[in-house]
N, C-alpha and C. Protein backbone atom coordinates (compact mmCIF):
# COMPACT_ATOMS: atom_id res chain seq x y z
N MET A 1 125.29 119.00 49.83
CA MET A 1 124.81 119.13 51.17
C MET A 1 125.88 119.79 52.01
N ARG A 2 125.53 120.82 52.69
CA ARG A 2 126.49 121.53 53.53
C ARG A 2 126.19 121.25 55.00
N ALA A 3 127.24 121.12 55.78
CA ALA A 3 127.06 120.95 57.21
C ALA A 3 126.62 122.27 57.81
N SER A 4 125.67 122.23 58.73
CA SER A 4 125.17 123.47 59.30
C SER A 4 126.07 124.00 60.40
N ASN A 5 126.90 123.15 61.00
CA ASN A 5 127.88 123.64 61.96
C ASN A 5 129.09 122.72 61.95
N ASN A 6 130.09 123.05 62.73
CA ASN A 6 131.34 122.30 62.71
C ASN A 6 131.22 120.90 63.29
N ASN A 7 130.15 120.60 64.02
CA ASN A 7 130.00 119.28 64.63
C ASN A 7 129.37 118.26 63.70
N GLU A 8 128.89 118.70 62.55
CA GLU A 8 128.26 117.78 61.61
C GLU A 8 129.22 117.43 60.48
N PHE A 9 129.11 116.21 60.03
CA PHE A 9 129.91 115.74 58.90
C PHE A 9 128.99 115.60 57.71
N ALA A 10 129.30 116.26 56.62
CA ALA A 10 128.42 116.31 55.45
C ALA A 10 128.14 114.93 54.86
N GLY A 11 129.04 113.99 55.00
CA GLY A 11 128.86 112.67 54.41
C GLY A 11 128.46 111.60 55.40
N GLU A 12 127.93 111.99 56.55
CA GLU A 12 127.63 111.00 57.58
C GLU A 12 126.57 109.99 57.17
N HIS A 13 125.77 110.28 56.17
CA HIS A 13 124.75 109.35 55.71
C HIS A 13 125.32 108.26 54.81
N ILE A 14 126.57 108.37 54.40
CA ILE A 14 127.21 107.36 53.57
C ILE A 14 127.93 106.37 54.47
N GLN A 15 127.68 105.08 54.23
CA GLN A 15 128.36 104.05 54.99
C GLN A 15 129.28 103.27 54.07
N LEU A 16 130.48 103.04 54.51
CA LEU A 16 131.42 102.26 53.72
C LEU A 16 131.10 100.78 53.86
N LEU A 17 131.24 100.06 52.78
CA LEU A 17 131.01 98.62 52.80
C LEU A 17 132.15 97.93 53.54
N PRO A 18 131.89 96.81 54.19
CA PRO A 18 132.94 96.12 54.94
C PRO A 18 134.17 95.78 54.08
N GLU A 19 133.94 95.46 52.79
CA GLU A 19 135.07 95.12 51.92
C GLU A 19 135.80 96.35 51.41
N GLY A 20 135.26 97.54 51.70
CA GLY A 20 135.90 98.78 51.31
C GLY A 20 135.66 99.14 49.84
N ILE A 21 136.16 100.29 49.46
CA ILE A 21 136.06 100.77 48.08
C ILE A 21 137.24 101.71 47.84
N SER A 22 137.83 101.61 46.68
CA SER A 22 138.95 102.49 46.36
C SER A 22 138.43 103.89 46.04
N LEU A 23 139.25 104.87 46.24
CA LEU A 23 138.85 106.25 45.90
C LEU A 23 138.55 106.37 44.42
N GLU A 24 139.29 105.67 43.58
CA GLU A 24 139.04 105.72 42.13
C GLU A 24 137.68 105.14 41.80
N GLU A 25 137.32 104.02 42.42
CA GLU A 25 136.01 103.42 42.16
C GLU A 25 134.90 104.34 42.67
N LEU A 26 135.10 104.95 43.81
CA LEU A 26 134.11 105.88 44.35
C LEU A 26 133.94 107.08 43.41
N GLU A 27 135.06 107.60 42.90
CA GLU A 27 134.99 108.73 41.97
C GLU A 27 134.22 108.34 40.71
N LYS A 28 134.48 107.15 40.19
CA LYS A 28 133.78 106.68 38.99
C LYS A 28 132.28 106.58 39.26
N LEU A 29 131.91 106.02 40.41
CA LEU A 29 130.49 105.89 40.75
C LEU A 29 129.80 107.26 40.88
N ILE A 30 130.49 108.21 41.47
CA ILE A 30 129.91 109.54 41.63
C ILE A 30 129.73 110.21 40.28
N ILE A 31 130.68 110.03 39.39
CA ILE A 31 130.56 110.57 38.03
C ILE A 31 129.34 109.94 37.34
N GLN A 32 129.20 108.63 37.48
CA GLN A 32 128.06 107.94 36.87
C GLN A 32 126.73 108.45 37.45
N LEU A 33 126.70 108.66 38.75
CA LEU A 33 125.48 109.18 39.38
C LEU A 33 125.14 110.58 38.87
N ALA A 34 126.15 111.44 38.75
CA ALA A 34 125.92 112.79 38.26
C ALA A 34 125.40 112.77 36.82
N LEU A 35 125.96 111.90 36.00
CA LEU A 35 125.50 111.78 34.62
C LEU A 35 124.08 111.24 34.55
N LYS A 36 123.77 110.28 35.41
CA LYS A 36 122.41 109.74 35.44
C LYS A 36 121.42 110.82 35.89
N LYS A 37 121.78 111.56 36.94
CA LYS A 37 120.90 112.61 37.45
C LYS A 37 120.67 113.71 36.42
N SER A 38 121.68 113.97 35.60
CA SER A 38 121.60 115.03 34.60
C SER A 38 121.00 114.54 33.28
N GLY A 39 120.60 113.28 33.23
CA GLY A 39 120.06 112.72 31.99
C GLY A 39 121.10 112.61 30.90
N GLY A 40 122.37 112.46 31.29
CA GLY A 40 123.46 112.34 30.33
C GLY A 40 124.04 113.67 29.88
N ASN A 41 123.51 114.78 30.40
CA ASN A 41 124.01 116.09 30.04
C ASN A 41 125.31 116.35 30.81
N GLN A 42 126.42 116.35 30.08
CA GLN A 42 127.73 116.46 30.72
C GLN A 42 127.96 117.83 31.36
N THR A 43 127.41 118.87 30.78
CA THR A 43 127.57 120.21 31.36
C THR A 43 126.88 120.28 32.72
N LYS A 44 125.65 119.74 32.79
CA LYS A 44 124.93 119.73 34.06
C LYS A 44 125.62 118.82 35.07
N ALA A 45 126.09 117.66 34.61
CA ALA A 45 126.79 116.72 35.50
C ALA A 45 128.03 117.39 36.09
N ALA A 46 128.77 118.12 35.27
CA ALA A 46 129.97 118.81 35.75
C ALA A 46 129.59 119.85 36.81
N LYS A 47 128.47 120.53 36.62
CA LYS A 47 128.02 121.51 37.62
C LYS A 47 127.67 120.82 38.93
N TYR A 48 127.01 119.66 38.87
CA TYR A 48 126.71 118.90 40.09
C TYR A 48 127.99 118.56 40.85
N LEU A 49 129.04 118.27 40.09
CA LEU A 49 130.31 117.86 40.68
C LEU A 49 131.25 119.05 40.96
N LYS A 50 130.78 120.24 40.64
CA LYS A 50 131.56 121.48 40.85
C LYS A 50 132.93 121.38 40.18
N THR A 51 132.89 120.98 38.92
CA THR A 51 134.10 120.88 38.12
C THR A 51 133.78 121.35 36.71
N SER A 52 134.77 121.42 35.86
CA SER A 52 134.54 121.84 34.49
C SER A 52 134.11 120.64 33.64
N ARG A 53 133.46 120.93 32.53
CA ARG A 53 133.06 119.87 31.60
C ARG A 53 134.29 119.15 31.06
N ASP A 54 135.35 119.90 30.79
CA ASP A 54 136.58 119.28 30.28
C ASP A 54 137.17 118.30 31.29
N THR A 55 137.16 118.67 32.57
CA THR A 55 137.67 117.77 33.61
C THR A 55 136.79 116.53 33.71
N LEU A 56 135.48 116.73 33.64
CA LEU A 56 134.56 115.60 33.67
C LEU A 56 134.85 114.65 32.51
N ARG A 57 135.00 115.19 31.30
CA ARG A 57 135.26 114.35 30.13
C ARG A 57 136.61 113.62 30.26
N TYR A 58 137.62 114.28 30.82
CA TYR A 58 138.92 113.64 31.04
C TYR A 58 138.76 112.44 31.97
N ARG A 59 138.02 112.64 33.05
CA ARG A 59 137.84 111.57 34.03
C ARG A 59 136.96 110.45 33.47
N MET A 60 135.98 110.79 32.65
CA MET A 60 135.17 109.77 32.01
C MET A 60 136.05 108.88 31.14
N LYS A 61 136.94 109.50 30.39
CA LYS A 61 137.85 108.73 29.54
C LYS A 61 138.78 107.87 30.39
N LYS A 62 139.28 108.44 31.49
CA LYS A 62 140.18 107.73 32.40
C LYS A 62 139.53 106.45 32.93
N PHE A 63 138.22 106.51 33.21
CA PHE A 63 137.51 105.37 33.77
C PHE A 63 136.82 104.51 32.72
N GLY A 64 137.02 104.83 31.45
CA GLY A 64 136.43 104.04 30.38
C GLY A 64 134.92 104.18 30.29
N LEU A 65 134.42 105.37 30.61
CA LEU A 65 132.98 105.62 30.58
C LEU A 65 132.59 106.24 29.25
N GLY A 66 131.49 105.78 28.69
CA GLY A 66 130.98 106.33 27.44
C GLY A 66 130.29 107.66 27.68
N GLU A 67 129.74 108.21 26.63
CA GLU A 67 129.09 109.52 26.67
C GLU A 67 127.97 109.60 27.71
N ASN A 68 127.28 108.49 27.95
CA ASN A 68 126.17 108.48 28.89
C ASN A 68 126.59 108.06 30.30
N GLY A 69 127.87 107.79 30.50
CA GLY A 69 128.37 107.42 31.82
C GLY A 69 128.46 105.93 32.06
N LYS A 70 127.98 105.13 31.12
CA LYS A 70 128.09 103.68 31.27
C LYS A 70 129.48 103.23 30.82
N GLU A 71 129.94 102.16 31.45
CA GLU A 71 131.22 101.62 31.05
C GLU A 71 131.11 101.14 29.62
N GLU A 72 132.10 101.47 28.82
CA GLU A 72 132.07 101.05 27.43
C GLU A 72 132.12 99.54 27.37
N GLY A 73 131.23 98.96 26.54
CA GLY A 73 131.16 97.52 26.41
C GLY A 73 130.09 96.89 27.28
N ARG A 74 129.38 97.70 28.10
CA ARG A 74 128.29 97.16 28.93
C ARG A 74 127.04 97.04 28.09
N PHE A 75 126.18 96.13 28.47
CA PHE A 75 124.89 95.99 27.81
C PHE A 75 123.98 97.10 28.28
N ASP A 76 123.11 97.60 27.39
CA ASP A 76 122.21 98.69 27.73
C ASP A 76 121.29 98.36 28.89
N GLY A 77 120.92 97.10 29.06
CA GLY A 77 119.99 96.72 30.10
C GLY A 77 120.59 96.63 31.49
N GLU A 78 121.91 96.70 31.61
CA GLU A 78 122.54 96.56 32.91
C GLU A 78 122.29 97.79 33.76
N GLU A 79 122.01 97.56 35.03
CA GLU A 79 121.80 98.66 35.96
C GLU A 79 123.15 99.19 36.43
N LEU A 80 123.15 100.42 36.86
CA LEU A 80 124.34 101.05 37.41
C LEU A 80 124.60 100.48 38.79
N GLU A 81 125.71 99.77 38.92
CA GLU A 81 126.04 99.20 40.22
C GLU A 81 126.44 100.30 41.18
N GLY A 82 126.11 100.11 42.46
CA GLY A 82 126.50 101.08 43.47
C GLY A 82 125.76 102.39 43.36
N GLU A 83 124.56 102.36 42.82
CA GLU A 83 123.83 103.60 42.58
C GLU A 83 123.70 104.43 43.84
N GLN A 84 123.61 103.77 44.97
CA GLN A 84 123.51 104.51 46.22
C GLN A 84 124.83 104.52 46.96
N ILE A 85 125.90 104.18 46.29
CA ILE A 85 127.24 104.06 46.84
C ILE A 85 127.26 102.95 47.88
N ALA A 86 126.68 103.16 49.03
CA ALA A 86 126.58 102.14 50.06
C ALA A 86 125.32 102.45 50.85
N PRO A 87 124.27 101.68 50.63
CA PRO A 87 123.03 101.99 51.32
C PRO A 87 123.18 101.92 52.83
N CYS A 88 122.48 102.77 53.53
CA CYS A 88 122.50 102.76 54.99
C CYS A 88 122.01 101.41 55.48
N GLY A 89 122.68 100.90 56.50
CA GLY A 89 122.30 99.61 57.05
C GLY A 89 122.89 98.44 56.31
N ALA A 90 123.75 98.71 55.31
CA ALA A 90 124.34 97.61 54.54
C ALA A 90 125.42 96.93 55.35
């Protein structure tokens, strides 16, 4: 999403939770969202994130994410936490 002029903030629809979130946790969640949106296709996920596939794979390893973006050792039935990062009105 691009701001249409200098007075708009591209991320204004995202609200931070009162307890906060670390930049690393936010990065991990965004990677997971991109992988989910791409159906697990890492090349497409990297394009969503405007990065290379190699960088995406490096960061997935850094955060302990499996090929599909889920944390290694999670049960298949578990939902992706923070899917909306921080819902509006939270």
